[in-house]
Amino acid sequence: MESEPKAAPADFVADFQEVTRTYLMGSEEVHALDGIDFQVRRGEYWSVMGPSGSGKSTLLNVVGCLDRPTSGVYRLAGNDTGKMSDDDLSELRSRKLGFIFQSYNLIPQLDVLENITVPLFYQDEPPADGLDRARQLADRMGLGDRLGHRPTELSGGQQQRVAIARALVNDPELILADEATGNLDTQTAEEILGLFDELHAEGKTILFVTHEATVAQHASHILRMRDGKIEEIQVRDKRSDEPVAGVLH
């Protein structure tokens, strides 16, 4: 008989317990995730690194409830995602997560304000102050004079600011960023990373997938993957910019 998974403390936003994700490619099994076990606490800032094929994208898909584990337990904000229906999982995703992508993923037919409010329409009961919150976020991102503009009328940095505002509009418990600075020039990337630093300082929980070491250095925790396994978790003191602990897996 399998033992019951250990209970998740209330301050865990993302809780992985021996998670595997296996795919069949022809007759061959590919272990994209192979016994992943780690926890992200509220207010932490994680970077996930690793070479191509290490399992970063699969990990992000499981964290974002876009994929389910083959075995093991993944809890999002205390909810065991493996026991939820697809509809309940979609509702959980819309309320608890904010997504930011390398390619922005804005809807070209919508203006800035409309793009920011898109996540609210996936909730059964959108917050009454949703539109006001969207305007406030646009102002914070320096887009207050661009509300009626469409994505094609914006620079790459402005489009990513729209995407960040969109990710924040539902006040998520966890922000997921997938190579969010990958399409930006160096100066604009630093500005966007500065925004992530501000969000972390305000208590937001962030998980940022990147292949760039300079980007990962902004995080308080760096998780390195290889061949579907966690190779190392490094805990950093951002004030001194030095690692304070490393855990080998």
Protein backbone atom coordinates (compact mmCIF):
# COMPACT_ATOMS: atom_id res chain seq x y z
CA MET A 1 0.00 0.00 0.00
CA GLU A 2 1.33 3.44 -0.92
CA SER A 3 1.94 5.80 1.98
CA GLU A 4 -0.06 8.99 2.19
CA PRO A 5 1.79 12.12 0.99
CA LYS A 6 3.00 14.35 3.78
CA ALA A 7 0.82 17.35 4.56
CA ALA A 8 1.73 20.69 3.02
CA PRO A 9 2.39 23.58 5.40
CA ALA A 10 0.10 26.54 4.89
CA ASP A 11 2.90 28.79 3.66
CA PHE A 12 3.75 26.56 0.68
CA VAL A 13 2.44 28.04 -2.57
CA ALA A 14 3.89 25.26 -4.74
CA ASP A 15 4.59 21.87 -3.16
CA PHE A 16 6.17 19.01 -5.13
CA GLN A 17 6.36 15.57 -3.53
CA GLU A 18 8.28 13.00 -5.60
CA VAL A 19 6.67 14.18 -8.83
CA THR A 20 7.32 12.33 -12.08
CA ARG A 21 6.13 13.11 -15.60
CA THR A 22 6.67 10.40 -18.18
CA TYR A 23 5.90 10.57 -21.89
CA LEU A 24 5.78 7.81 -24.46
CA MET A 25 7.73 8.51 -27.65
CA GLY A 26 6.99 5.49 -29.77
CA SER A 27 7.92 2.56 -27.56
CA GLU A 28 10.36 4.58 -25.46
CA GLU A 29 9.55 6.19 -22.11
CA VAL A 30 10.93 9.70 -21.58
CA HIS A 31 11.22 10.77 -17.95
CA ALA A 32 10.79 14.54 -18.30
CA LEU A 33 10.48 14.83 -14.50
CA ASP A 34 12.03 12.14 -12.35
CA GLY A 35 11.28 12.37 -8.64
CA ILE A 36 11.00 16.15 -8.21
CA ASP A 37 10.69 17.20 -4.57
CA PHE A 38 10.80 20.86 -3.50
CA GLN A 39 8.60 23.58 -2.01
CA VAL A 40 8.14 27.26 -2.81
CA ARG A 41 7.07 29.35 0.17
CA ARG A 42 5.07 32.53 -0.01
CA GLY A 43 7.23 35.52 -0.79
CA GLU A 44 10.13 33.58 -2.32
CA TYR A 45 11.67 34.33 -5.71
CA TRP A 46 12.87 31.24 -7.59
CA SER A 47 14.81 30.89 -10.82
CA VAL A 48 14.82 27.55 -12.64
CA MET A 49 17.83 26.82 -14.84
CA GLY A 50 19.13 23.91 -16.87
CA PRO A 51 20.21 22.88 -20.37
CA SER A 52 17.75 22.13 -23.14
CA GLY A 53 15.88 18.91 -22.34
CA SER A 54 16.54 19.17 -18.60
CA GLY A 55 12.84 19.34 -17.72
CA LYS A 56 12.41 23.10 -17.15
CA SER A 57 9.43 23.47 -19.47
CA THR A 58 7.70 20.37 -18.12
CA LEU A 59 8.22 21.61 -14.57
CA LEU A 60 6.70 24.97 -15.49
CA ASN A 61 3.72 23.25 -17.13
CA VAL A 62 3.05 21.22 -13.98
CA VAL A 63 3.45 24.25 -11.71
CA GLY A 64 1.05 26.16 -13.98
CA CYS A 65 -1.52 23.34 -13.95
CA LEU A 66 -1.17 22.96 -17.73
CA ASP A 67 0.00 19.37 -17.23
CA ARG A 68 -0.46 16.76 -14.53
CA PRO A 69 2.12 14.53 -12.85
CA THR A 70 2.35 10.88 -13.87
CA SER A 71 2.97 10.07 -10.22
CA GLY A 72 3.62 11.93 -6.99
CA VAL A 73 1.74 14.93 -5.63
CA TYR A 74 1.71 18.56 -6.71
CA ARG A 75 -0.20 21.03 -4.56
CA LEU A 76 -0.91 24.62 -5.58
CA ALA A 77 -1.80 26.84 -2.62
CA GLY A 78 -2.71 23.70 -0.65
CA ASN A 79 -4.87 22.18 -3.41
CA ASP A 80 -3.94 18.67 -4.58
CA THR A 81 -4.13 19.25 -8.34
CA GLY A 82 -4.12 15.52 -9.12
CA LYS A 83 -7.53 15.13 -7.47
CA MET A 84 -9.22 18.02 -9.28
CA SER A 85 -11.43 17.97 -12.37
CA ASP A 86 -10.32 19.88 -15.46
CA ASP A 87 -12.90 22.59 -14.77
CA ASP A 88 -11.83 23.00 -11.15
CA LEU A 89 -8.20 23.07 -12.22
CA SER A 90 -8.93 25.82 -14.75
CA GLU A 91 -10.69 27.85 -12.08
CA LEU A 92 -7.78 27.36 -9.67
CA ARG A 93 -5.31 28.40 -12.38
CA SER A 94 -7.29 31.56 -13.18
CA ARG A 95 -7.36 32.66 -9.53
CA LYS A 96 -3.98 31.58 -8.18
CA LEU A 97 -1.55 32.03 -11.10
CA GLY A 98 -0.25 34.84 -13.28
CA PHE A 99 1.65 33.91 -16.47
CA ILE A 100 4.32 35.95 -18.27
CA PHE A 101 5.83 34.60 -21.50
CA GLN A 102 8.84 35.37 -23.68
CA SER A 103 6.59 36.12 -26.66
CA TYR A 104 4.16 38.28 -24.60
CA ASN A 105 1.07 36.38 -25.90
CA LEU A 106 -1.06 39.51 -26.16
CA ILE A 107 -4.25 39.48 -28.22
CA PRO A 108 -3.59 41.74 -31.23
CA GLN A 109 -7.24 42.78 -31.68
CA LEU A 110 -7.46 44.13 -28.11
CA ASP A 111 -6.03 47.36 -26.75
CA VAL A 112 -3.78 47.63 -23.69
CA LEU A 113 -6.58 47.89 -21.12
CA GLU A 114 -8.54 45.03 -22.69
CA ASN A 115 -5.47 42.79 -22.77
CA ILE A 116 -4.78 43.44 -19.09
CA THR A 117 -8.34 42.47 -18.10
CA VAL A 118 -8.43 39.19 -20.07
CA PRO A 119 -7.79 36.92 -17.00
CA LEU A 120 -10.78 38.40 -15.21
CA PHE A 121 -13.19 37.02 -17.80
CA TYR A 122 -12.12 33.46 -16.97
CA GLN A 123 -13.35 33.81 -13.41
CA ASP A 124 -16.89 32.87 -12.45
CA GLU A 125 -17.16 36.05 -10.39
CA PRO A 126 -14.77 38.74 -11.67
CA PRO A 127 -13.92 41.31 -8.96
CA ALA A 128 -16.06 44.44 -9.11
CA ASP A 129 -12.97 46.64 -9.03
CA GLY A 130 -11.24 44.69 -11.81
CA LEU A 131 -11.27 47.52 -14.35
CA ASP A 132 -9.97 50.05 -11.82
CA ARG A 133 -7.22 47.63 -10.82
CA ALA A 134 -6.27 47.18 -14.49
CA ARG A 135 -5.96 50.95 -14.93
CA GLN A 136 -3.84 51.24 -11.79
CA LEU A 137 -1.53 48.48 -12.99
CA ALA A 138 -1.22 50.13 -16.40
CA ASP A 139 -0.22 53.37 -14.68
CA ARG A 140 2.33 51.53 -12.57
CA MET A 141 3.85 49.97 -15.68
CA GLY A 142 4.15 53.37 -17.34
CA LEU A 143 1.33 52.64 -19.77
CA GLY A 144 -1.26 55.13 -18.55
CA ASP A 145 -1.10 57.06 -21.83
CA ARG A 146 -1.22 53.87 -23.94
CA LEU A 147 -4.52 52.34 -22.77
CA GLY A 148 -6.14 52.57 -26.21
CA HIS A 149 -3.10 51.30 -28.13
CA ARG A 150 -2.92 47.81 -29.61
CA PRO A 151 0.14 45.54 -29.24
CA THR A 152 1.48 46.36 -32.71
CA GLU A 153 1.70 50.01 -31.65
CA LEU A 154 3.94 49.20 -28.67
CA SER A 155 7.64 48.41 -28.28
CA GLY A 156 8.73 44.99 -27.01
CA GLY A 157 9.35 46.38 -23.55
CA GLN A 158 5.91 48.01 -23.46
CA GLN A 159 4.28 44.76 -24.58
CA GLN A 160 6.03 42.87 -21.78
CA ARG A 161 4.82 45.50 -19.29
CA VAL A 162 1.27 44.85 -20.51
CA ALA A 163 1.89 41.14 -19.99
CA ILE A 164 3.14 41.76 -16.42
CA ALA A 165 0.08 43.90 -15.65
CA ARG A 166 -2.15 41.15 -17.07
CA ALA A 167 -0.42 38.59 -14.84
CA LEU A 168 -1.05 40.76 -11.76
CA VAL A 169 -4.65 41.79 -12.39
CA ASN A 170 -6.12 38.77 -10.59
CA ASP A 171 -3.74 39.29 -7.62
CA PRO A 172 -2.21 35.80 -8.03
CA GLU A 173 -0.47 33.83 -5.32
CA LEU A 174 2.26 32.77 -7.76
CA ILE A 175 3.73 34.58 -10.78
CA LEU A 176 5.20 32.27 -13.44
CA ALA A 177 7.65 33.78 -15.93
CA ASP A 178 8.99 31.79 -18.89
CA GLU A 179 12.12 33.42 -20.37
CA ALA A 180 10.30 36.72 -19.83
CA THR A 181 13.28 38.86 -20.88
CA GLY A 182 14.43 36.65 -23.75
CA ASN A 183 13.14 38.93 -26.55
CA LEU A 184 14.29 42.20 -25.01
CA ASP A 185 17.43 44.28 -25.41
CA THR A 186 19.78 44.50 -22.43
CA GLN A 187 18.54 47.83 -21.07
CA THR A 188 14.85 46.92 -21.38
CA ALA A 189 15.51 43.50 -19.85
CA GLU A 190 17.12 45.18 -16.82
CA GLU A 191 14.08 47.44 -16.46
CA ILE A 192 11.75 44.43 -16.52
CA LEU A 193 13.93 42.56 -14.02
CA GLY A 194 13.76 45.67 -11.83
CA LEU A 195 9.98 45.34 -11.85
CA PHE A 196 10.28 41.72 -10.73
CA ASP A 197 12.60 42.83 -7.92
CA GLU A 198 9.97 45.38 -6.83
CA LEU A 199 7.22 42.75 -6.89
CA HIS A 200 9.35 40.39 -4.81
CA ALA A 201 10.10 43.18 -2.32
CA GLU A 202 6.33 43.69 -1.99
CA GLY A 203 5.87 40.03 -1.04
CA LYS A 204 4.95 38.46 -4.37
CA THR A 205 5.97 34.85 -5.00
CA ILE A 206 7.79 34.36 -8.32
CA LEU A 207 9.08 31.40 -10.31
CA PHE A 208 11.19 32.48 -13.29
CA VAL A 209 12.48 29.97 -15.87
CA THR A 210 15.62 31.24 -17.59
CA HIS A 211 18.82 30.06 -19.26
CA GLU A 212 20.66 33.29 -18.40
CA ALA A 213 22.81 33.31 -15.25
CA THR A 214 22.54 37.10 -14.93
CA VAL A 215 18.75 36.82 -14.81
CA ALA A 216 18.86 34.00 -12.26
CA GLN A 217 20.99 36.13 -9.94
CA HIS A 218 17.92 38.29 -9.20
CA ALA A 219 16.28 35.35 -7.41
CA SER A 220 16.54 34.28 -3.78
CA HIS A 221 16.57 30.59 -4.80
CA ILE A 222 18.17 29.03 -7.89
CA LEU A 223 17.03 25.53 -8.87
CA ARG A 224 19.24 23.75 -11.41
CA MET A 225 17.87 20.81 -13.37
CA ARG A 226 19.46 18.08 -15.48
CA ASP A 227 17.88 15.00 -17.08
CA GLY A 228 14.56 15.53 -15.33
CA LYS A 229 16.10 15.72 -11.86
CA ILE A 230 16.99 18.53 -9.48
CA GLU A 231 20.76 18.86 -9.59
CA GLU A 232 21.08 21.62 -7.01
CA ILE A 233 19.07 24.22 -5.12
CA GLN A 234 21.04 27.31 -4.16
CA VAL A 235 19.70 29.76 -1.58
CA ARG A 236 21.08 33.26 -2.00
CA ASP A 237 21.35 36.39 0.12
CA LYS A 238 20.23 39.08 -2.32
CA ARG A 239 21.52 41.84 -0.08
CA SER A 240 25.13 40.64 -0.41
CA ASP A 241 24.63 38.93 -3.80
CA GLU A 242 26.30 35.81 -2.42
CA PRO A 243 25.07 32.20 -2.08
CA VAL A 244 24.38 31.24 1.52
CA ALA A 245 23.52 27.57 1.04
CA GLY A 246 23.48 24.87 -1.59
CA VAL A 247 21.56 21.60 -1.48
CA LEU A 248 22.59 18.81 -3.83
CA HIS A 249 19.95 16.34 -4.96
